[in-house]
Amino acid sequence: MARSSNRLARIKMRRLLQSKRGKLVFVLSIVLMIFLITSVVNRIANTHTVWHFDCYADSYFSHQGESSLKVDKSNLWLSLDIDHHQAKLIYKIESSVHGTEIAQLVGKVDHVDMGSFTYHLGLTLQPTLWQTSSRLKPYLHNEFGIIASQKIEGVSIAQQVQVIDLDNALTSATLKFLPSNNVWSCQLRSPDTAH
């Protein structure tokens, strides 16, 4: 019985597709599916072209070479701006003892892996005035896997930034930076308040 009803359904479907009305329904269905898929992809792609992340962490630095271990608490900020194909990454460290240091990297978004929501960035560190006892420079050497004796300014850096968590209100996110595997909790700024 099931076999004959299955065969009957196929015969009706074949007749429908061979008729003018059936062909019209088929073509309109395909066009509607293409439109829906395109609009969903467009909506997803457009929401991921402009991001402004502000991230903050307490950082602790030890003084090497001293007999007693002294640790300075500093504030470390990270700001990541992605504006279509342009990217800017700013590191800022503030310490009551050592003052403020800022390093800025600029470059392009090479591509976006939407499956893992990972931005592949090609960045270059802009000329920076380092303090003599810089805390930020060794941090960045470690962050980007550059040996300490190598000059860091002007070096092309391949950085991957994966958005591993994003709240529904689009106000906060968790970012993972590769290859260092550092994870940052960040606040999102709207494009209107980013600058």
N, C-alpha and C. Protein backbone atom coordinates (compact mmCIF):
# COMPACT_ATOMS: atom_id res chain seq x y z
N MET A 1 0.82 -1.19 0.00
CA MET A 1 0.00 0.00 0.00
C MET A 1 0.87 1.26 0.00
N ALA A 2 1.91 1.27 0.87
CA ALA A 2 2.80 2.43 0.94
C ALA A 2 3.54 2.64 -0.37
N ARG A 3 3.86 1.52 -1.02
CA ARG A 3 4.58 1.60 -2.29
C ARG A 3 3.72 2.24 -3.38
N SER A 4 2.46 1.90 -3.41
CA SER A 4 1.58 2.45 -4.44
C SER A 4 1.28 3.93 -4.18
N SER A 5 1.15 4.33 -2.90
CA SER A 5 0.91 5.75 -2.60
C SER A 5 2.16 6.58 -2.91
N ASN A 6 3.33 5.99 -2.70
CA ASN A 6 4.59 6.67 -3.02
C ASN A 6 4.70 6.86 -4.53
N ARG A 7 4.31 5.82 -5.28
CA ARG A 7 4.36 5.89 -6.74
C ARG A 7 3.35 6.91 -7.26
N LEU A 8 2.18 6.93 -6.64
CA LEU A 8 1.15 7.87 -7.03
C LEU A 8 1.60 9.32 -6.80
N ALA A 9 2.29 9.56 -5.69
CA ALA A 9 2.81 10.90 -5.39
C ALA A 9 3.85 11.33 -6.42
N ARG A 10 4.71 10.39 -6.82
CA ARG A 10 5.72 10.72 -7.85
C ARG A 10 5.06 11.04 -9.19
N ILE A 11 4.02 10.32 -9.54
CA ILE A 11 3.32 10.57 -10.80
C ILE A 11 2.68 11.96 -10.77
N LYS A 12 2.03 12.31 -9.64
CA LYS A 12 1.42 13.63 -9.53
C LYS A 12 2.47 14.73 -9.59
N MET A 13 3.61 14.51 -8.96
CA MET A 13 4.68 15.51 -8.97
C MET A 13 5.23 15.69 -10.38
N ARG A 14 5.40 14.59 -11.11
CA ARG A 14 5.91 14.66 -12.48
C ARG A 14 4.92 15.42 -13.37
N ARG A 15 3.63 15.14 -13.21
CA ARG A 15 2.62 15.84 -14.01
C ARG A 15 2.62 17.33 -13.69
N LEU A 16 2.75 17.65 -12.39
CA LEU A 16 2.77 19.06 -11.99
C LEU A 16 3.96 19.78 -12.61
N LEU A 17 5.14 19.17 -12.56
CA LEU A 17 6.34 19.80 -13.11
C LEU A 17 6.32 19.90 -14.63
N GLN A 18 5.55 19.04 -15.29
CA GLN A 18 5.46 19.09 -16.74
C GLN A 18 4.43 20.12 -17.21
N SER A 19 3.55 20.54 -16.33
CA SER A 19 2.54 21.54 -16.71
C SER A 19 3.15 22.94 -16.62
N LYS A 20 2.51 23.92 -17.29
CA LYS A 20 2.98 25.30 -17.26
C LYS A 20 2.91 25.86 -15.84
N ARG A 21 1.84 25.57 -15.14
CA ARG A 21 1.68 26.04 -13.78
C ARG A 21 2.76 25.43 -12.87
N GLY A 22 3.05 24.19 -13.04
CA GLY A 22 4.07 23.52 -12.23
C GLY A 22 5.45 24.09 -12.47
N LYS A 23 5.76 24.36 -13.75
CA LYS A 23 7.06 24.96 -14.07
C LYS A 23 7.17 26.34 -13.45
N LEU A 24 6.09 27.11 -13.51
CA LEU A 24 6.08 28.45 -12.92
C LEU A 24 6.29 28.37 -11.40
N VAL A 25 5.59 27.46 -10.74
CA VAL A 25 5.74 27.28 -9.28
C VAL A 25 7.18 26.87 -8.96
N PHE A 26 7.74 25.98 -9.75
CA PHE A 26 9.12 25.52 -9.51
C PHE A 26 10.11 26.68 -9.65
N VAL A 27 9.99 27.45 -10.71
CA VAL A 27 10.91 28.58 -10.94
C VAL A 27 10.76 29.62 -9.84
N LEU A 28 9.52 29.95 -9.48
CA LEU A 28 9.29 30.93 -8.41
C LEU A 28 9.84 30.43 -7.06
N SER A 29 9.71 29.15 -6.80
CA SER A 29 10.26 28.58 -5.56
C SER A 29 11.78 28.71 -5.52
N ILE A 30 12.43 28.43 -6.63
CA ILE A 30 13.90 28.55 -6.70
C ILE A 30 14.31 30.00 -6.51
N VAL A 31 13.62 30.93 -7.17
CA VAL A 31 13.94 32.36 -7.04
C VAL A 31 13.75 32.81 -5.60
N LEU A 32 12.67 32.38 -4.95
CA LEU A 32 12.42 32.74 -3.56
C LEU A 32 13.51 32.18 -2.64
N MET A 33 13.92 30.95 -2.87
CA MET A 33 14.99 30.36 -2.05
C MET A 33 16.30 31.12 -2.23
N ILE A 34 16.63 31.48 -3.45
CA ILE A 34 17.86 32.25 -3.71
C ILE A 34 17.79 33.61 -3.02
N PHE A 35 16.64 34.26 -3.10
CA PHE A 35 16.46 35.55 -2.44
C PHE A 35 16.63 35.42 -0.92
N LEU A 36 16.02 34.43 -0.32
CA LEU A 36 16.12 34.24 1.13
C LEU A 36 17.56 33.95 1.55
N ILE A 37 18.23 33.08 0.83
CA ILE A 37 19.62 32.75 1.16
C ILE A 37 20.50 33.98 1.02
N THR A 38 20.31 34.74 -0.06
CA THR A 38 21.11 35.95 -0.28
C THR A 38 20.87 36.98 0.81
N SER A 39 19.63 37.18 1.21
CA SER A 39 19.35 38.18 2.24
C SER A 39 19.92 37.76 3.60
N VAL A 40 19.87 36.47 3.92
CA VAL A 40 20.45 36.00 5.19
C VAL A 40 21.96 36.17 5.17
N VAL A 41 22.61 35.77 4.09
CA VAL A 41 24.07 35.92 3.99
C VAL A 41 24.45 37.40 4.04
N ASN A 42 23.71 38.24 3.36
CA ASN A 42 23.99 39.68 3.36
C ASN A 42 23.83 40.27 4.76
N ARG A 43 22.81 39.87 5.48
CA ARG A 43 22.60 40.37 6.84
C ARG A 43 23.74 39.94 7.75
N ILE A 44 24.16 38.69 7.65
CA ILE A 44 25.28 38.20 8.47
C ILE A 44 26.55 38.93 8.10
N ALA A 45 26.84 39.05 6.83
CA ALA A 45 28.08 39.70 6.39
C ALA A 45 28.12 41.16 6.79
N ASN A 46 27.02 41.87 6.66
CA ASN A 46 27.01 43.30 6.99
C ASN A 46 27.17 43.56 8.47
N THR A 47 26.71 42.67 9.32
CA THR A 47 26.86 42.91 10.76
C THR A 47 28.29 42.66 11.22
N HIS A 48 29.11 42.04 10.40
CA HIS A 48 30.47 41.72 10.83
C HIS A 48 31.52 42.58 10.13
N THR A 49 31.13 43.68 9.51
CA THR A 49 32.12 44.48 8.80
C THR A 49 32.66 45.63 9.64
N VAL A 50 31.94 46.08 10.65
CA VAL A 50 32.41 47.18 11.49
C VAL A 50 32.28 46.76 12.95
N TRP A 51 33.43 46.66 13.62
CA TRP A 51 33.47 46.32 15.04
C TRP A 51 34.43 47.26 15.74
N HIS A 52 34.11 47.62 16.96
CA HIS A 52 34.99 48.43 17.80
C HIS A 52 34.99 47.80 19.19
N PHE A 53 36.11 47.16 19.54
CA PHE A 53 36.22 46.47 20.82
C PHE A 53 37.14 47.25 21.75
N ASP A 54 36.75 47.39 23.00
CA ASP A 54 37.61 47.95 24.05
C ASP A 54 37.79 46.88 25.11
N CYS A 55 39.05 46.56 25.40
CA CYS A 55 39.35 45.48 26.33
C CYS A 55 40.28 46.01 27.43
N TYR A 56 40.17 45.45 28.62
CA TYR A 56 40.94 45.92 29.76
C TYR A 56 41.40 44.73 30.59
N ALA A 57 42.60 44.85 31.16
CA ALA A 57 43.11 43.81 32.06
C ALA A 57 44.07 44.44 33.06
N ASP A 58 44.13 43.87 34.25
CA ASP A 58 45.19 44.21 35.20
C ASP A 58 46.41 43.41 34.78
N SER A 59 47.56 44.03 34.81
CA SER A 59 48.80 43.31 34.47
C SER A 59 49.79 43.49 35.61
N TYR A 60 50.58 42.47 35.81
CA TYR A 60 51.56 42.47 36.89
C TYR A 60 52.93 42.16 36.30
N PHE A 61 53.90 43.05 36.56
CA PHE A 61 55.24 42.89 36.02
C PHE A 61 56.22 42.78 37.17
N SER A 62 57.11 41.81 37.08
CA SER A 62 58.13 41.66 38.12
C SER A 62 59.42 42.31 37.65
N HIS A 63 60.18 42.83 38.60
CA HIS A 63 61.47 43.44 38.30
C HIS A 63 62.52 42.35 38.35
N GLN A 64 63.21 42.14 37.26
CA GLN A 64 64.24 41.11 37.23
C GLN A 64 65.56 41.69 37.71
N GLY A 65 66.36 40.86 38.33
CA GLY A 65 67.69 41.26 38.76
C GLY A 65 67.72 41.88 40.14
N GLU A 66 66.60 42.00 40.80
CA GLU A 66 66.59 42.57 42.14
C GLU A 66 66.56 41.43 43.15
N SER A 67 67.14 41.69 44.33
CA SER A 67 67.22 40.63 45.33
C SER A 67 65.83 40.26 45.86
N SER A 68 65.01 41.25 46.12
CA SER A 68 63.64 40.93 46.55
C SER A 68 62.71 41.14 45.37
N LEU A 69 61.75 40.28 45.23
CA LEU A 69 60.83 40.35 44.11
C LEU A 69 59.84 41.48 44.33
N LYS A 70 59.84 42.44 43.41
CA LYS A 70 58.88 43.54 43.45
C LYS A 70 57.97 43.39 42.24
N VAL A 71 56.71 43.60 42.47
CA VAL A 71 55.74 43.48 41.39
C VAL A 71 55.01 44.80 41.25
N ASP A 72 54.97 45.31 40.02
CA ASP A 72 54.21 46.53 39.72
C ASP A 72 52.88 46.13 39.08
N LYS A 73 51.82 46.70 39.60
CA LYS A 73 50.51 46.51 38.98
C LYS A 73 50.31 47.62 37.96
N SER A 74 49.90 47.22 36.78
CA SER A 74 49.65 48.18 35.70
C SER A 74 48.29 47.88 35.10
N ASN A 75 47.79 48.83 34.36
CA ASN A 75 46.54 48.64 33.63
C ASN A 75 46.87 48.48 32.16
N LEU A 76 46.35 47.43 31.56
CA LEU A 76 46.61 47.15 30.16
C LEU A 76 45.29 47.24 29.40
N TRP A 77 45.28 48.09 28.37
CA TRP A 77 44.11 48.26 27.52
C TRP A 77 44.44 47.79 26.12
N LEU A 78 43.43 47.28 25.48
CA LEU A 78 43.56 46.87 24.09
C LEU A 78 42.32 47.40 23.37
N SER A 79 42.53 47.98 22.23
CA SER A 79 41.42 48.48 21.42
C SER A 79 41.58 47.90 20.02
N LEU A 80 40.54 47.26 19.53
CA LEU A 80 40.56 46.67 18.20
C LEU A 80 39.43 47.29 17.40
N ASP A 81 39.78 47.92 16.29
CA ASP A 81 38.79 48.50 15.37
C ASP A 81 38.89 47.78 14.04
N ILE A 82 37.78 47.24 13.59
CA ILE A 82 37.69 46.63 12.27
C ILE A 82 36.63 47.40 11.51
N ASP A 83 37.05 48.02 10.43
CA ASP A 83 36.14 48.83 9.62
C ASP A 83 36.25 48.34 8.18
N HIS A 84 35.36 47.43 7.82
CA HIS A 84 35.35 46.77 6.52
C HIS A 84 36.67 46.02 6.33
N HIS A 85 37.57 46.50 5.49
CA HIS A 85 38.82 45.77 5.25
C HIS A 85 40.01 46.39 5.97
N GLN A 86 39.79 47.38 6.81
CA GLN A 86 40.86 48.04 7.55
C GLN A 86 40.83 47.57 9.00
N ALA A 87 42.01 47.47 9.60
CA ALA A 87 42.10 47.03 11.00
C ALA A 87 43.11 47.90 11.74
N LYS A 88 42.79 48.20 13.00
CA LYS A 88 43.70 48.94 13.86
C LYS A 88 43.67 48.29 15.24
N LEU A 89 44.84 48.00 15.78
CA LEU A 89 44.97 47.37 17.09
C LEU A 89 45.87 48.26 17.93
N ILE A 90 45.36 48.72 19.06
CA ILE A 90 46.12 49.63 19.93
C ILE A 90 46.29 48.98 21.29
N TYR A 91 47.54 48.92 21.76
CA TYR A 91 47.85 48.46 23.11
C TYR A 91 48.26 49.68 23.92
N LYS A 92 47.75 49.77 25.13
CA LYS A 92 48.08 50.89 26.01
C LYS A 92 48.31 50.33 27.41
N ILE A 93 49.43 50.72 28.00
CA ILE A 93 49.72 50.29 29.36
C ILE A 93 49.94 51.51 30.23
N GLU A 94 49.31 51.53 31.39
CA GLU A 94 49.44 52.64 32.33
C GLU A 94 49.93 52.11 33.66
N SER A 95 50.89 52.81 34.21
CA SER A 95 51.44 52.45 35.52
C SER A 95 51.71 53.73 36.28
N SER A 96 51.42 53.72 37.58
CA SER A 96 51.70 54.91 38.39
C SER A 96 53.20 55.15 38.50
N VAL A 97 54.00 54.09 38.36
CA VAL A 97 55.45 54.20 38.47
C VAL A 97 56.09 54.55 37.13
N HIS A 98 55.63 53.91 36.05
CA HIS A 98 56.31 54.03 34.76
C HIS A 98 55.56 54.87 33.73
N GLY A 99 54.43 55.42 34.06
CA GLY A 99 53.70 56.26 33.11
C GLY A 99 52.91 55.44 32.10
N THR A 100 52.69 56.05 30.94
CA THR A 100 51.85 55.44 29.91
C THR A 100 52.66 55.16 28.65
N GLU A 101 52.42 53.99 28.06
CA GLU A 101 53.01 53.63 26.77
C GLU A 101 51.89 53.17 25.85
N ILE A 102 51.99 53.56 24.60
CA ILE A 102 50.98 53.18 23.61
C ILE A 102 51.69 52.65 22.37
N ALA A 103 51.19 51.53 21.86
CA ALA A 103 51.68 50.97 20.60
C ALA A 103 50.49 50.76 19.68
N GLN A 104 50.64 51.16 18.44
CA GLN A 104 49.54 51.06 17.48
C GLN A 104 49.97 50.23 16.29
N LEU A 105 49.13 49.27 15.93
CA LEU A 105 49.34 48.45 14.75
C LEU A 105 48.20 48.73 13.78
N VAL A 106 48.52 48.92 12.53
CA VAL A 106 47.49 49.15 11.52
C VAL A 106 47.71 48.20 10.35
N GLY A 107 46.64 47.92 9.66
CA GLY A 107 46.75 47.03 8.51
C GLY A 107 45.40 46.70 7.92
N LYS A 108 45.32 45.52 7.37
CA LYS A 108 44.13 45.10 6.63
C LYS A 108 43.57 43.80 7.19
N VAL A 109 42.29 43.61 6.92
CA VAL A 109 41.64 42.33 7.17
C VAL A 109 41.89 41.50 5.92
N ASP A 110 42.75 40.48 6.05
CA ASP A 110 43.07 39.65 4.88
C ASP A 110 41.86 38.82 4.46
N HIS A 111 41.23 38.17 5.43
CA HIS A 111 39.97 37.48 5.17
C HIS A 111 39.30 37.12 6.49
N VAL A 112 38.04 36.74 6.39
CA VAL A 112 37.25 36.37 7.56
C VAL A 112 36.77 34.95 7.37
N ASP A 113 37.03 34.12 8.37
CA ASP A 113 36.53 32.75 8.37
C ASP A 113 35.22 32.76 9.15
N MET A 114 34.10 32.79 8.44
CA MET A 114 32.80 32.90 9.10
C MET A 114 32.45 31.65 9.89
N GLY A 115 33.01 30.50 9.53
CA GLY A 115 32.72 29.27 10.26
C GLY A 115 33.18 29.35 11.70
N SER A 116 34.37 29.90 11.92
CA SER A 116 34.89 30.03 13.29
C SER A 116 34.85 31.48 13.76
N PHE A 117 34.30 32.38 12.94
CA PHE A 117 34.21 33.82 13.25
C PHE A 117 35.59 34.36 13.61
N THR A 118 36.56 34.10 12.72
CA THR A 118 37.94 34.51 12.94
C THR A 118 38.36 35.51 11.87
N TYR A 119 38.90 36.62 12.34
CA TYR A 119 39.46 37.64 11.45
C TYR A 119 40.95 37.38 11.30
N HIS A 120 41.42 37.29 10.07
CA HIS A 120 42.84 37.13 9.77
C HIS A 120 43.36 38.51 9.37
N LEU A 121 44.23 39.07 10.22
CA LEU A 121 44.71 40.43 10.03
C LEU A 121 46.17 40.44 9.62
N GLY A 122 46.53 41.34 8.74
CA GLY A 122 47.91 41.63 8.40
C GLY A 122 48.23 43.01 8.93
N LEU A 123 49.03 43.10 10.00
CA LEU A 123 49.27 44.36 10.70
C LEU A 123 50.74 44.74 10.67
N THR A 124 51.01 46.03 10.83
CA THR A 124 52.36 46.56 10.95
C THR A 124 52.41 47.48 12.15
N LEU A 125 53.40 47.28 13.02
CA LEU A 125 53.56 48.14 14.19
C LEU A 125 54.11 49.48 13.74
N GLN A 126 53.42 50.54 14.11
CA GLN A 126 53.82 51.90 13.76
C GLN A 126 54.99 52.33 14.65
N PRO A 127 55.80 53.30 14.19
CA PRO A 127 56.92 53.78 15.01
C PRO A 127 56.41 54.21 16.39
N THR A 128 57.11 53.76 17.41
CA THR A 128 56.71 53.98 18.80
C THR A 128 57.89 54.47 19.60
N LEU A 129 57.67 55.44 20.48
CA LEU A 129 58.71 55.88 21.42
C LEU A 129 58.62 55.01 22.66
N TRP A 130 59.58 54.08 22.80
CA TRP A 130 59.57 53.17 23.94
C TRP A 130 60.27 53.81 25.12
N GLN A 131 59.78 53.55 26.30
CA GLN A 131 60.47 53.99 27.51
C GLN A 131 61.71 53.12 27.70
N THR A 132 62.69 53.64 28.44
CA THR A 132 63.91 52.85 28.65
C THR A 132 63.63 51.56 29.40
N SER A 133 62.72 51.59 30.33
CA SER A 133 62.34 50.37 31.05
C SER A 133 60.93 49.96 30.61
N SER A 134 60.75 49.84 29.31
CA SER A 134 59.44 49.57 28.73
C SER A 134 58.86 48.26 29.24
N ARG A 135 57.60 48.30 29.58
CA ARG A 135 56.87 47.10 29.94
C ARG A 135 56.10 46.57 28.72
N LEU A 136 55.72 47.47 27.86
CA LEU A 136 54.89 47.10 26.71
C LEU A 136 55.68 46.39 25.61
N LYS A 137 56.89 46.85 25.37
CA LYS A 137 57.69 46.26 24.28
C LYS A 137 57.95 44.77 24.50
N PRO A 138 58.42 44.34 25.69
CA PRO A 138 58.60 42.89 25.88
C PRO A 138 57.27 42.12 25.81
N TYR A 139 56.21 42.76 26.28
CA TYR A 139 54.89 42.12 26.19
C TYR A 139 54.53 41.85 24.73
N LEU A 140 54.74 42.85 23.87
CA LEU A 140 54.41 42.69 22.45
C LEU A 140 55.33 41.69 21.76
N HIS A 141 56.61 41.68 22.13
CA HIS A 141 57.52 40.66 21.58
C HIS A 141 56.96 39.27 21.87
N ASN A 142 56.53 39.07 23.11
CA ASN A 142 55.97 37.78 23.50
C ASN A 142 54.63 37.53 22.81
N GLU A 143 53.81 38.54 22.75
CA GLU A 143 52.47 38.43 22.15
C GLU A 143 52.55 37.99 20.68
N PHE A 144 53.50 38.53 19.95
CA PHE A 144 53.59 38.25 18.52
C PHE A 144 54.66 37.24 18.16
N GLY A 145 55.33 36.66 19.17
CA GLY A 145 56.33 35.63 18.91
C GLY A 145 57.57 36.16 18.21
N ILE A 146 57.98 37.37 18.55
CA ILE A 146 59.17 37.99 17.95
C ILE A 146 60.29 37.91 18.97
N ILE A 147 61.47 37.46 18.55
CA ILE A 147 62.58 37.35 19.49
C ILE A 147 63.00 38.73 19.98
N ALA A 148 63.46 38.79 21.23
CA ALA A 148 63.71 40.07 21.91
C ALA A 148 64.75 40.92 21.19
N SER A 149 65.73 40.31 20.53
CA SER A 149 66.77 41.09 19.87
C SER A 149 66.32 41.67 18.53
N GLN A 150 65.21 41.18 18.00
CA GLN A 150 64.72 41.64 16.70
C GLN A 150 63.97 42.96 16.85
N LYS A 151 64.19 43.86 15.90
CA LYS A 151 63.46 45.13 15.88
C LYS A 151 61.99 44.83 15.61
N ILE A 152 61.12 45.47 16.37
CA ILE A 152 59.70 45.17 16.27
C ILE A 152 58.95 46.15 15.37
N GLU A 153 59.41 47.40 15.27
CA GLU A 153 58.73 48.40 14.45
C GLU A 153 58.83 48.04 12.98
N GLY A 154 57.74 48.21 12.26
CA GLY A 154 57.72 47.96 10.83
C GLY A 154 57.62 46.50 10.45
N VAL A 155 57.63 45.60 11.42
CA VAL A 155 57.55 44.17 11.14
C VAL A 155 56.10 43.83 10.79
N SER A 156 55.92 43.05 9.74
CA SER A 156 54.58 42.59 9.39
C SER A 156 54.18 41.46 10.33
N ILE A 157 53.00 41.59 10.89
CA ILE A 157 52.53 40.64 11.89
C ILE A 157 51.22 40.05 11.40
N ALA A 158 51.16 38.72 11.37
CA ALA A 158 49.91 38.03 11.05
C ALA A 158 49.21 37.73 12.37
N GLN A 159 48.07 38.35 12.55
CA GLN A 159 47.32 38.20 13.80
C GLN A 159 45.94 37.65 13.46
N GLN A 160 45.52 36.65 14.21
CA GLN A 160 44.16 36.13 14.06
C GLN A 160 43.38 36.50 15.31
N VAL A 161 42.18 36.99 15.11
CA VAL A 161 41.30 37.36 16.23
C VAL A 161 40.00 36.59 16.05
N GLN A 162 39.73 35.72 17.01
CA GLN A 162 38.52 34.92 16.96
C GLN A 162 37.51 35.45 17.97
N VAL A 163 36.30 35.72 17.51
CA VAL A 163 35.22 36.12 18.42
C VAL A 163 34.62 34.82 18.94
N ILE A 164 34.95 34.49 20.21
CA ILE A 164 34.48 33.20 20.74
C ILE A 164 33.17 33.32 21.51
N ASP A 165 32.80 34.54 21.87
CA ASP A 165 31.51 34.73 22.54
C ASP A 165 31.05 36.16 22.26
N LEU A 166 29.77 36.30 22.01
CA LEU A 166 29.18 37.60 21.72
C LEU A 166 27.79 37.60 22.32
N ASP A 167 27.52 38.56 23.21
CA ASP A 167 26.20 38.56 23.85
C ASP A 167 25.13 39.01 22.86
N ASN A 168 23.89 38.68 23.18
CA ASN A 168 22.77 38.98 22.27
C ASN A 168 22.55 40.46 22.05
N ALA A 169 22.87 41.27 23.05
CA ALA A 169 22.67 42.72 22.93
C ALA A 169 23.80 43.41 22.18
N LEU A 170 24.82 42.65 21.78
CA LEU A 170 26.00 43.17 21.09
C LEU A 170 26.68 44.28 21.90
N THR A 171 26.86 44.03 23.20
CA THR A 171 27.55 44.99 24.07
C THR A 171 28.86 44.45 24.61
N SER A 172 29.03 43.14 24.63
CA SER A 172 30.29 42.57 25.12
C SER A 172 30.63 41.32 24.32
N ALA A 173 31.94 41.04 24.29
CA ALA A 173 32.43 39.90 23.52
C ALA A 173 33.68 39.35 24.19
N THR A 174 33.97 38.11 23.89
CA THR A 174 35.22 37.48 24.31
C THR A 174 36.02 37.20 23.05
N LEU A 175 37.25 37.72 23.03
CA LEU A 175 38.12 37.57 21.87
C LEU A 175 39.31 36.69 22.22
N LYS A 176 39.72 35.88 21.27
CA LYS A 176 40.91 35.05 21.42
C LYS A 176 41.90 35.47 20.34
N PHE A 177 43.11 35.84 20.77
CA PHE A 177 44.15 36.28 19.85
C PHE A 177 45.10 35.12 19.59
N LEU A 178 45.33 34.85 18.31
CA LEU A 178 46.23 33.78 17.91
C LEU A 178 47.40 34.38 17.15
N PRO A 179 48.59 33.92 17.31
CA PRO A 179 49.00 32.64 17.87
C PRO A 179 49.26 32.64 19.37
N SER A 180 49.10 33.77 20.07
CA SER A 180 49.46 33.82 21.50
C SER A 180 48.45 33.11 22.39
N ASN A 181 47.24 32.86 21.90
CA ASN A 181 46.15 32.23 22.67
C ASN A 181 45.69 33.08 23.84
N ASN A 182 45.94 34.38 23.82
CA ASN A 182 45.44 35.26 24.87
C ASN A 182 43.95 35.50 24.65
N VAL A 183 43.21 35.49 25.75
CA VAL A 183 41.77 35.69 25.71
C VAL A 183 41.45 36.99 26.43
N TRP A 184 40.66 37.83 25.79
CA TRP A 184 40.28 39.13 26.34
C TRP A 184 38.77 39.23 26.41
N SER A 185 38.28 39.81 27.50
CA SER A 185 36.87 40.15 27.62
C SER A 185 36.74 41.62 27.25
N CYS A 186 35.85 41.91 26.32
CA CYS A 186 35.80 43.26 25.73
C CYS A 186 34.39 43.81 25.72
N GLN A 187 34.33 45.12 25.68
CA GLN A 187 33.07 45.84 25.48
C GLN A 187 33.02 46.29 24.03
N LEU A 188 31.85 46.28 23.44
CA LEU A 188 31.69 46.77 22.08
C LEU A 188 31.20 48.20 22.13
N ARG A 189 31.79 49.04 21.28
CA ARG A 189 31.33 50.41 21.10
C ARG A 189 30.57 50.46 19.80
N SER A 190 29.58 51.29 19.73
CA SER A 190 28.86 51.45 18.47
C SER A 190 29.74 52.26 17.53
N PRO A 191 29.58 52.11 16.22
CA PRO A 191 30.39 52.88 15.27
C PRO A 191 30.25 54.39 15.47
N ASP A 192 29.12 54.85 16.01
CA ASP A 192 28.92 56.29 16.22
C ASP A 192 29.79 56.85 17.34
N THR A 193 30.13 56.02 18.34
CA THR A 193 30.91 56.49 19.49
C THR A 193 32.34 55.99 19.45
N ALA A 194 32.76 55.40 18.35
CA ALA A 194 34.08 54.77 18.30
C ALA A 194 35.21 55.77 18.27
N HIS A 195 35.02 56.96 17.78
CA HIS A 195 36.14 57.89 17.65
C HIS A 195 35.92 59.14 18.43
